[in-house]
Amino acid sequence: MVMGLESKPLTISASALIMKRARIIGSQHNNREHLYEALDLAARGKVRVVTETYQLDEVSKARERLESGQVCFRAVVVM
């Protein structure tokens, strides 16, 4: 885990992310304690993901809603 902010770029290879199933999670709000609390809530399954789901043939509709700012939370295209 890395915490903090630096002006230099964070260098990590795509293969390291994929092969190790690593994640990069960022937050620029509040402080360290709030970040720990938010991550703990997510780890305990207390966070509910809200999405709009679109079938693959509806991808144009999803894009239009996304570009116009009409999507609530996340738009997910499923196959």
PDB file of N, CA and C in Angstrom:
ATOM      1  N   MET A   1       0.847  -1.173   0.000  1.00  0.00           N
ATOM      2  CA  MET A   1       0.000   0.000   0.000  1.00  0.00           C
ATOM      3  C   MET A   1       0.891   1.234   0.000  1.00  0.00           C
ATOM      4  N   VAL A   2       0.501   2.200  -0.811  1.00  0.00           N
ATOM      5  CA  VAL A   2       1.204   3.477  -0.862  1.00  0.00           C
ATOM      6  C   VAL A   2       0.199   4.553  -0.509  1.00  0.00           C
ATOM      7  N   MET A   3       0.567   5.416   0.402  1.00  0.00           N
ATOM      8  CA  MET A   3      -0.297   6.539   0.750  1.00  0.00           C
ATOM      9  C   MET A   3       0.514   7.801   0.685  1.00  0.00           C
ATOM     10  N   GLY A   4      -0.111   8.849   0.251  1.00  0.00           N
ATOM     11  CA  GLY A   4       0.561  10.128   0.172  1.00  0.00           C
ATOM     12  C   GLY A   4       0.486  10.684  -1.234  1.00  0.00           C
ATOM     13  N   LEU A   5       1.040  11.853  -1.402  1.00  0.00           N
ATOM     14  CA  LEU A   5       0.987  12.533  -2.677  1.00  0.00           C
ATOM     15  C   LEU A   5       2.370  13.056  -3.009  1.00  0.00           C
ATOM     16  N   GLU A   6       2.787  12.786  -4.216  1.00  0.00           N
ATOM     17  CA  GLU A   6       4.054  13.297  -4.699  1.00  0.00           C
ATOM     18  C   GLU A   6       3.820  13.966  -6.044  1.00  0.00           C
ATOM     19  N   SER A   7       4.732  14.828  -6.430  1.00  0.00           N
ATOM     20  CA  SER A   7       4.596  15.492  -7.725  1.00  0.00           C
ATOM     21  C   SER A   7       5.124  14.629  -8.863  1.00  0.00           C
ATOM     22  N   LYS A   8       5.960  13.627  -8.554  1.00  0.00           N
ATOM     23  CA  LYS A   8       6.487  12.779  -9.617  1.00  0.00           C
ATOM     24  C   LYS A   8       5.486  11.673  -9.960  1.00  0.00           C
ATOM     25  N   PRO A   9       5.499  11.199 -11.213  1.00  0.00           N
ATOM     26  CA  PRO A   9       4.542  10.168 -11.646  1.00  0.00           C
ATOM     27  C   PRO A   9       4.754   8.837 -10.907  1.00  0.00           C
ATOM     28  N   LEU A  10       3.677   8.114 -10.720  1.00  0.00           N
ATOM     29  CA  LEU A  10       3.717   6.775 -10.162  1.00  0.00           C
ATOM     30  C   LEU A  10       3.943   5.806 -11.314  1.00  0.00           C
ATOM     31  N   THR A  11       5.023   5.078 -11.275  1.00  0.00           N
ATOM     32  CA  THR A  11       5.313   4.148 -12.362  1.00  0.00           C
ATOM     33  C   THR A  11       5.026   2.729 -11.913  1.00  0.00           C
ATOM     34  N   ILE A  12       4.178   2.065 -12.671  1.00  0.00           N
ATOM     35  CA  ILE A  12       3.843   0.665 -12.428  1.00  0.00           C
ATOM     36  C   ILE A  12       3.504   0.045 -13.766  1.00  0.00           C
ATOM     37  N   SER A  13       3.938  -1.167 -13.978  1.00  0.00           N
ATOM     38  CA  SER A  13       3.705  -1.803 -15.274  1.00  0.00           C
ATOM     39  C   SER A  13       2.303  -2.396 -15.339  1.00  0.00           C
ATOM     40  N   ALA A  14       1.739  -2.399 -16.529  1.00  0.00           N
ATOM     41  CA  ALA A  14       0.420  -2.988 -16.739  1.00  0.00           C
ATOM     42  C   ALA A  14       0.441  -4.476 -16.408  1.00  0.00           C
ATOM     43  N   SER A  15       1.541  -5.154 -16.735  1.00  0.00           N
ATOM     44  CA  SER A  15       1.609  -6.592 -16.452  1.00  0.00           C
ATOM     45  C   SER A  15       1.591  -6.853 -14.945  1.00  0.00           C
ATOM     46  N   ALA A  16       2.204  -5.990 -14.160  1.00  0.00           N
ATOM     47  CA  ALA A  16       2.164  -6.158 -12.704  1.00  0.00           C
ATOM     48  C   ALA A  16       0.734  -6.014 -12.188  1.00  0.00           C
ATOM     49  N   LEU A  17      -0.002  -5.068 -12.746  1.00  0.00           N
ATOM     50  CA  LEU A  17      -1.398  -4.890 -12.340  1.00  0.00           C
ATOM     51  C   LEU A  17      -2.230  -6.110 -12.699  1.00  0.00           C
ATOM     52  N   ILE A  18      -2.046  -6.613 -13.922  1.00  0.00           N
ATOM     53  CA  ILE A  18      -2.860  -7.728 -14.410  1.00  0.00           C
ATOM     54  C   ILE A  18      -2.467  -9.049 -13.760  1.00  0.00           C
ATOM     55  N   MET A  19      -1.185  -9.360 -13.783  1.00  0.00           N
ATOM     56  CA  MET A  19      -0.734 -10.662 -13.289  1.00  0.00           C
ATOM     57  C   MET A  19      -0.905 -10.806 -11.772  1.00  0.00           C
ATOM     58  N   LYS A  20      -0.754  -9.730 -11.050  1.00  0.00           N
ATOM     59  CA  LYS A  20      -0.899  -9.784  -9.598  1.00  0.00           C
ATOM     60  C   LYS A  20      -2.302  -9.388  -9.147  1.00  0.00           C
ATOM     61  N   ARG A  21      -3.155  -9.065 -10.123  1.00  0.00           N
ATOM     62  CA  ARG A  21      -4.521  -8.603  -9.826  1.00  0.00           C
ATOM     63  C   ARG A  21      -4.495  -7.439  -8.832  1.00  0.00           C
ATOM     64  N   ALA A  22      -3.546  -6.557  -9.037  1.00  0.00           N
ATOM     65  CA  ALA A  22      -3.388  -5.398  -8.163  1.00  0.00           C
ATOM     66  C   ALA A  22      -4.393  -4.320  -8.552  1.00  0.00           C
ATOM     67  N   ARG A  23      -4.640  -3.411  -7.647  1.00  0.00           N
ATOM     68  CA  ARG A  23      -5.562  -2.307  -7.889  1.00  0.00           C
ATOM     69  C   ARG A  23      -4.931  -1.007  -7.433  1.00  0.00           C
ATOM     70  N   ILE A  24      -5.291   0.040  -8.121  1.00  0.00           N
ATOM     71  CA  ILE A  24      -4.886   1.378  -7.706  1.00  0.00           C
ATOM     72  C   ILE A  24      -6.163   2.104  -7.292  1.00  0.00           C
ATOM     73  N   ILE A  25      -6.197   2.530  -6.049  1.00  0.00           N
ATOM     74  CA  ILE A  25      -7.357   3.225  -5.515  1.00  0.00           C
ATOM     75  C   ILE A  25      -6.891   4.595  -5.061  1.00  0.00           C
ATOM     76  N   GLY A  26      -7.562   5.612  -5.533  1.00  0.00           N
ATOM     77  CA  GLY A  26      -7.155   6.961  -5.172  1.00  0.00           C
ATOM     78  C   GLY A  26      -8.278   7.740  -4.527  1.00  0.00           C
ATOM     79  N   SER A  27      -7.892   8.681  -3.712  1.00  0.00           N
ATOM     80  CA  SER A  27      -8.852   9.564  -3.071  1.00  0.00           C
ATOM     81  C   SER A  27      -8.164  10.889  -2.797  1.00  0.00           C
ATOM     82  N   GLN A  28      -8.835  11.957  -3.080  1.00  0.00           N
ATOM     83  CA  GLN A  28      -8.273  13.260  -2.762  1.00  0.00           C
ATOM     84  C   GLN A  28      -9.183  14.038  -1.813  1.00  0.00           C
ATOM     85  N   HIS A  29     -10.011  13.308  -1.093  1.00  0.00           N
ATOM     86  CA  HIS A  29     -10.938  13.927  -0.157  1.00  0.00           C
ATOM     87  C   HIS A  29     -10.614  13.499   1.268  1.00  0.00           C
ATOM     88  N   ASN A  30     -10.925  14.348   2.178  1.00  0.00           N
ATOM     89  CA  ASN A  30     -10.804  14.071   3.604  1.00  0.00           C
ATOM     90  C   ASN A  30      -9.369  13.751   4.003  1.00  0.00           C
ATOM     91  N   ASN A  31      -9.199  12.818   4.924  1.00  0.00           N
ATOM     92  CA  ASN A  31      -7.856  12.491   5.400  1.00  0.00           C
ATOM     93  C   ASN A  31      -7.665  10.976   5.444  1.00  0.00           C
ATOM     94  N   ARG A  32      -6.541  10.544   5.936  1.00  0.00           N
ATOM     95  CA  ARG A  32      -6.190   9.122   5.947  1.00  0.00           C
ATOM     96  C   ARG A  32      -7.216   8.276   6.701  1.00  0.00           C
ATOM     97  N   GLU A  33      -7.712   8.758   7.819  1.00  0.00           N
ATOM     98  CA  GLU A  33      -8.680   7.993   8.607  1.00  0.00           C
ATOM     99  C   GLU A  33      -9.966   7.759   7.820  1.00  0.00           C
ATOM    100  N   HIS A  34     -10.419   8.773   7.087  1.00  0.00           N
ATOM    101  CA  HIS A  34     -11.620   8.604   6.274  1.00  0.00           C
ATOM    102  C   HIS A  34     -11.385   7.594   5.153  1.00  0.00           C
ATOM    103  N   LEU A  35     -10.195   7.601   4.561  1.00  0.00           N
ATOM    104  CA  LEU A  35      -9.877   6.636   3.514  1.00  0.00           C
ATOM    105  C   LEU A  35      -9.879   5.217   4.082  1.00  0.00           C
ATOM    106  N   TYR A  36      -9.257   5.013   5.248  1.00  0.00           N
ATOM    107  CA  TYR A  36      -9.267   3.697   5.888  1.00  0.00           C
ATOM    108  C   TYR A  36     -10.701   3.242   6.166  1.00  0.00           C
ATOM    109  N   GLU A  37     -11.533   4.154   6.645  1.00  0.00           N
ATOM    110  CA  GLU A  37     -12.922   3.813   6.940  1.00  0.00           C
ATOM    111  C   GLU A  37     -13.666   3.413   5.671  1.00  0.00           C
ATOM    112  N   ALA A  38     -13.476   4.158   4.599  1.00  0.00           N
ATOM    113  CA  ALA A  38     -14.148   3.845   3.335  1.00  0.00           C
ATOM    114  C   ALA A  38     -13.686   2.500   2.782  1.00  0.00           C
ATOM    115  N   LEU A  39     -12.386   2.238   2.820  1.00  0.00           N
ATOM    116  CA  LEU A  39     -11.866   0.957   2.335  1.00  0.00           C
ATOM    117  C   LEU A  39     -12.362  -0.197   3.199  1.00  0.00           C
ATOM    118  N   ASP A  40     -12.468   0.010   4.509  1.00  0.00           N
ATOM    119  CA  ASP A  40     -12.979  -1.023   5.406  1.00  0.00           C
ATOM    120  C   ASP A  40     -14.441  -1.338   5.092  1.00  0.00           C
ATOM    121  N   LEU A  41     -15.238  -0.309   4.857  1.00  0.00           N
ATOM    122  CA  LEU A  41     -16.642  -0.530   4.507  1.00  0.00           C
ATOM    123  C   LEU A  41     -16.761  -1.340   3.214  1.00  0.00           C
ATOM    124  N   ALA A  42     -15.949  -1.005   2.222  1.00  0.00           N
ATOM    125  CA  ALA A  42     -15.972  -1.750   0.960  1.00  0.00           C
ATOM    126  C   ALA A  42     -15.531  -3.191   1.177  1.00  0.00           C
ATOM    127  N   ALA A  43     -14.486  -3.406   1.969  1.00  0.00           N
ATOM    128  CA  ALA A  43     -13.978  -4.759   2.222  1.00  0.00           C
ATOM    129  C   ALA A  43     -15.004  -5.617   2.950  1.00  0.00           C
ATOM    130  N   ARG A  44     -15.833  -5.006   3.788  1.00  0.00           N
ATOM    131  CA  ARG A  44     -16.851  -5.756   4.525  1.00  0.00           C
ATOM    132  C   ARG A  44     -18.156  -5.903   3.755  1.00  0.00           C
ATOM    133  N   GLY A  45     -18.164  -5.449   2.495  1.00  0.00           N
ATOM    134  CA  GLY A  45     -19.360  -5.603   1.665  1.00  0.00           C
ATOM    135  C   GLY A  45     -20.479  -4.642   2.005  1.00  0.00           C
ATOM    136  N   LYS A  46     -20.148  -3.541   2.644  1.00  0.00           N
ATOM    137  CA  LYS A  46     -21.154  -2.569   3.064  1.00  0.00           C
ATOM    138  C   LYS A  46     -21.413  -1.487   2.017  1.00  0.00           C
ATOM    139  N   VAL A  47     -20.723  -1.571   0.877  1.00  0.00           N
ATOM    140  CA  VAL A  47     -20.887  -0.581  -0.180  1.00  0.00           C
ATOM    141  C   VAL A  47     -21.729  -1.211  -1.290  1.00  0.00           C
ATOM    142  N   ARG A  48     -22.777  -0.533  -1.670  1.00  0.00           N
ATOM    143  CA  ARG A  48     -23.656  -1.027  -2.721  1.00  0.00           C
ATOM    144  C   ARG A  48     -23.327  -0.286  -4.009  1.00  0.00           C
ATOM    145  N   VAL A  49     -23.015  -1.026  -5.039  1.00  0.00           N
ATOM    146  CA  VAL A  49     -22.696  -0.435  -6.328  1.00  0.00           C
ATOM    147  C   VAL A  49     -23.996  -0.152  -7.073  1.00  0.00           C
ATOM    148  N   VAL A  50     -24.126   1.069  -7.567  1.00  0.00           N
ATOM    149  CA  VAL A  50     -25.313   1.453  -8.322  1.00  0.00           C
ATOM    150  C   VAL A  50     -24.894   1.654  -9.774  1.00  0.00           C
ATOM    151  N   THR A  51     -25.522   0.901 -10.661  1.00  0.00           N
ATOM    152  CA  THR A  51     -25.164   0.972 -12.078  1.00  0.00           C
ATOM    153  C   THR A  51     -26.405   1.015 -12.946  1.00  0.00           C
ATOM    154  N   GLU A  52     -26.206   1.491 -14.151  1.00  0.00           N
ATOM    155  CA  GLU A  52     -27.189   1.326 -15.222  1.00  0.00           C
ATOM    156  C   GLU A  52     -26.587   0.277 -16.142  1.00  0.00           C
ATOM    157  N   THR A  53     -27.343  -0.777 -16.426  1.00  0.00           N
ATOM    158  CA  THR A  53     -26.832  -1.873 -17.236  1.00  0.00           C
ATOM    159  C   THR A  53     -27.431  -1.810 -18.641  1.00  0.00           C
ATOM    160  N   TYR A  54     -26.568  -1.986 -19.629  1.00  0.00           N
ATOM    161  CA  TYR A  54     -26.984  -1.964 -21.027  1.00  0.00           C
ATOM    162  C   TYR A  54     -26.498  -3.225 -21.719  1.00  0.00           C
ATOM    163  N   GLN A  55     -27.314  -3.779 -22.590  1.00  0.00           N
ATOM    164  CA  GLN A  55     -26.900  -4.902 -23.422  1.00  0.00           C
ATOM    165  C   GLN A  55     -25.949  -4.378 -24.493  1.00  0.00           C
ATOM    166  N   LEU A  56     -25.178  -5.278 -25.081  1.00  0.00           N
ATOM    167  CA  LEU A  56     -24.185  -4.880 -26.071  1.00  0.00           C
ATOM    168  C   LEU A  56     -24.809  -4.113 -27.234  1.00  0.00           C
ATOM    169  N   ASP A  57     -26.017  -4.503 -27.649  1.00  0.00           N
ATOM    170  CA  ASP A  57     -26.660  -3.802 -28.771  1.00  0.00           C
ATOM    171  C   ASP A  57     -27.208  -2.427 -28.370  1.00  0.00           C
ATOM    172  N   GLU A  58     -27.103  -2.059 -27.086  1.00  0.00           N
ATOM    173  CA  GLU A  58     -27.540  -0.751 -26.604  1.00  0.00           C
ATOM    174  C   GLU A  58     -26.370   0.182 -26.313  1.00  0.00           C
ATOM    175  N   VAL A  59     -25.183  -0.173 -26.797  1.00  0.00           N
ATOM    176  CA  VAL A  59     -23.990   0.602 -26.472  1.00  0.00           C
ATOM    177  C   VAL A  59     -24.106   2.056 -26.945  1.00  0.00           C
ATOM    178  N   SER A  60     -24.765   2.290 -28.056  1.00  0.00           N
ATOM    179  CA  SER A  60     -24.956   3.671 -28.542  1.00  0.00           C
ATOM    180  C   SER A  60     -25.808   4.476 -27.564  1.00  0.00           C
ATOM    181  N   LYS A  61     -26.849   3.852 -27.061  1.00  0.00           N
ATOM    182  CA  LYS A  61     -27.713   4.509 -26.078  1.00  0.00           C
ATOM    183  C   LYS A  61     -26.915   4.834 -24.811  1.00  0.00           C
ATOM    184  N   ALA A  62     -26.109   3.879 -24.362  1.00  0.00           N
ATOM    185  CA  ALA A  62     -25.292   4.092 -23.163  1.00  0.00           C
ATOM    186  C   ALA A  62     -24.333   5.256 -23.373  1.00  0.00           C
ATOM    187  N   ARG A  63     -23.709   5.297 -24.531  1.00  0.00           N
ATOM    188  CA  ARG A  63     -22.762   6.379 -24.818  1.00  0.00           C
ATOM    189  C   ARG A  63     -23.458   7.735 -24.872  1.00  0.00           C
ATOM    190  N   GLU A  64     -24.618   7.786 -25.507  1.00  0.00           N
ATOM    191  CA  GLU A  64     -25.383   9.043 -25.581  1.00  0.00           C
ATOM    192  C   GLU A  64     -25.737   9.540 -24.181  1.00  0.00           C
ATOM    193  N   ARG A  65     -26.207   8.635 -23.325  1.00  0.00           N
ATOM    194  CA  ARG A  65     -26.562   9.035 -21.954  1.00  0.00           C
ATOM    195  C   ARG A  65     -25.340   9.474 -21.172  1.00  0.00           C
ATOM    196  N   LEU A  66     -24.229   8.797 -21.385  1.00  0.00           N
ATOM    197  CA  LEU A  66     -22.987   9.158 -20.705  1.00  0.00           C
ATOM    198  C   LEU A  66     -22.512  10.537 -21.128  1.00  0.00           C
ATOM    199  N   GLU A  67     -22.472  10.777 -22.435  1.00  0.00           N
ATOM    200  CA  GLU A  67     -21.994  12.060 -22.957  1.00  0.00           C
ATOM    201  C   GLU A  67     -22.899  13.226 -22.576  1.00  0.00           C
ATOM    202  N   SER A  68     -24.201  12.954 -22.414  1.00  0.00           N
ATOM    203  CA  SER A  68     -25.135  14.034 -22.068  1.00  0.00           C
ATOM    204  C   SER A  68     -25.253  14.237 -20.555  1.00  0.00           C
ATOM    205  N   GLY A  69     -24.528  13.425 -19.787  1.00  0.00           N
ATOM    206  CA  GLY A  69     -24.568  13.571 -18.333  1.00  0.00           C
ATOM    207  C   GLY A  69     -25.803  12.988 -17.686  1.00  0.00           C
ATOM    208  N   GLN A  70     -26.508  12.103 -18.376  1.00  0.00           N
ATOM    209  CA  GLN A  70     -27.737  11.515 -17.844  1.00  0.00           C
ATOM    210  C   GLN A  70     -27.511  10.218 -17.082  1.00  0.00           C
ATOM    211  N   VAL A  71     -26.328   9.643 -17.151  1.00  0.00           N
ATOM    212  CA  VAL A  71     -26.066   8.388 -16.454  1.00  0.00           C
ATOM    213  C   VAL A  71     -25.932   8.660 -14.963  1.00  0.00           C
ATOM    214  N   CYS A  72     -26.644   7.873 -14.173  1.00  0.00           N
ATOM    215  CA  CYS A  72     -26.534   7.957 -12.719  1.00  0.00           C
ATOM    216  C   CYS A  72     -25.486   6.947 -12.274  1.00  0.00           C
ATOM    217  N   PHE A  73     -24.463   7.420 -11.637  1.00  0.00           N
ATOM    218  CA  PHE A  73     -23.379   6.595 -11.111  1.00  0.00           C
ATOM    219  C   PHE A  73     -22.569   5.969 -12.242  1.00  0.00           C
ATOM    220  N   ARG A  74     -22.735   4.692 -12.576  1.00  0.00           N
ATOM    221  CA  ARG A  74     -21.915   4.011 -13.587  1.00  0.00           C
ATOM    222  C   ARG A  74     -22.800   3.367 -14.649  1.00  0.00           C
ATOM    223  N   ALA A  75     -22.320   3.379 -15.896  1.00  0.00           N
ATOM    224  CA  ALA A  75     -22.967   2.671 -16.984  1.00  0.00           C
ATOM    225  C   ALA A  75     -22.133   1.443 -17.309  1.00  0.00           C
ATOM    226  N   VAL A  76     -22.781   0.278 -17.342  1.00  0.00           N
ATOM    227  CA  VAL A  76     -22.090  -0.980 -17.585  1.00  0.00           C
ATOM    228  C   VAL A  76     -22.717  -1.660 -18.796  1.00  0.00           C
ATOM    229  N   VAL A  77     -21.859  -2.051 -19.753  1.00  0.00           N
ATOM    230  CA  VAL A  77     -22.323  -2.775 -20.932  1.00  0.00           C
ATOM    231  C   VAL A  77     -22.026  -4.241 -20.702  1.00  0.00           C
ATOM    232  N   VAL A  78     -23.061  -5.075 -20.823  1.00  0.00           N
ATOM    233  CA  VAL A  78     -22.914  -6.511 -20.606  1.00  0.00           C
ATOM    234  C   VAL A  78     -23.141  -7.263 -21.901  1.00  0.00           C
ATOM    235  N   MET A  79     -22.541  -8.431 -21.965  1.00  0.00           N
ATOM    236  CA  MET A  79     -22.676  -9.244 -23.177  1.00  0.00           C
ATOM    237  C   MET A  79     -23.593 -10.417 -22.926  1.00  0.00           C
TER     238      MET A  79
END
